[in-house]
Protein backbone atom coordinates (compact mmCIF):
# COMPACT_ATOMS: atom_id res chain seq x y z
CA MET A 1 79.06 138.38 77.00
CA SER A 2 82.26 139.97 78.01
CA ARG A 3 84.41 140.63 74.77
CA SER A 4 87.18 137.88 75.70
CA GLN A 5 84.85 135.09 76.29
CA ASN A 6 83.22 136.37 72.92
CA LEU A 7 86.36 135.55 71.48
CA ARG A 8 86.33 132.24 73.38
CA HIS A 9 83.65 131.90 71.54
CA ASN A 10 84.25 132.47 68.38
CA VAL A 11 87.66 130.59 67.71
CA ILE A 12 86.66 127.18 70.11
CA ASN A 13 84.20 127.20 66.23
CA GLN A 14 86.82 128.24 64.40
CA VAL A 15 88.87 125.30 65.96
CA ILE A 16 86.53 122.72 65.92
CA ASP A 17 85.58 123.78 62.78
CA ASP A 18 89.40 123.35 61.55
CA MET A 19 89.47 119.84 63.13
CA ALA A 20 86.18 118.50 61.54
CA ARG A 21 87.26 119.67 57.80
CA GLY A 22 91.66 118.22 58.86
CA HIS A 23 93.25 121.07 58.80
CA ILE A 24 94.70 120.47 62.46
CA PRO A 25 96.88 117.47 63.19
CA SER A 26 96.72 115.26 65.78
CA PRO A 27 98.72 116.13 68.24
CA LEU A 28 97.51 119.13 68.32
CA PRO A 29 100.31 122.25 67.87
CA SER A 30 101.96 123.98 70.61
CA GLN A 31 99.90 126.57 71.97
CA SER A 32 102.32 129.02 70.92
CA ALA A 33 102.24 127.61 67.76
CA LEU A 34 98.50 127.70 67.84
CA ALA A 35 98.33 131.52 69.23
CA GLU A 36 99.81 132.61 66.18
CA MET A 37 98.08 130.61 64.08
CA TYR A 38 94.43 131.86 65.21
CA ASN A 39 95.92 135.70 66.69
CA ILE A 40 95.26 134.92 70.20
CA SER A 41 97.12 135.26 73.75
CA ARG A 42 98.66 131.57 75.62
CA THR A 43 95.49 132.25 78.35
CA THR A 44 92.88 132.27 75.39
CA VAL A 45 94.64 128.96 73.72
CA ARG A 46 94.08 126.85 77.39
CA HIS A 47 90.77 128.20 77.96
CA ILE A 48 89.85 126.75 74.33
CA LEU A 49 92.03 123.59 75.19
CA SER A 50 90.64 123.12 78.07
CA HIS A 51 86.69 123.08 76.74
CA LEU A 52 87.03 120.82 74.17
CA ARG A 53 88.66 118.57 76.63
CA GLU A 54 85.66 118.80 78.95
CA CYS A 55 83.41 118.24 75.82
CA GLY A 56 85.84 115.17 75.29
CA VAL A 57 87.16 116.34 71.78
CA LEU A 58 90.41 116.45 73.05
CA THR A 59 92.87 113.96 75.24
CA GLN A 60 95.53 115.26 77.23
CA VAL A 61 98.85 112.23 77.23
CA GLY A 62 101.87 114.05 78.64
CA ASN A 63 102.20 117.70 77.58
CA ASP A 64 100.48 117.24 73.97
CA TYR A 65 96.51 117.28 73.55
CA VAL A 66 95.29 114.64 70.59
CA ILE A 67 92.04 114.67 68.90
CA ALA A 68 89.78 112.08 71.25
CA ARG A 69 86.76 111.92 68.46
CA LYS A 70 85.93 114.08 66.21
CA PRO A 71 84.16 117.26 66.95
CA ASP A 72 80.35 118.56 66.24
CA HIS A 73 78.85 121.67 66.76
CA ASP A 74 77.22 121.30 69.97
CA ASP A 75 80.85 121.27 71.64
CA GLY A 76 80.86 124.79 69.54
CA PHE A 77 78.46 127.79 71.00
CA ALA A 78 75.55 129.48 68.91
């Protein structure tokens, strides 16, 4: 697994945990704010948002991402 893919997987798991604990509001903060919160690039944020949208955790409404359902650990990576 590449270093960038490993980073994405780790941050996806962290975001899922933060969402499950209610630490991330809906709609989600901006991509820039998420990048700053997790100390990652906006490109990585876009990959994470895309993954969570494909899993059905997030829905895109206009430019915002809203939490569609509470995430579970099956949405992340082991």
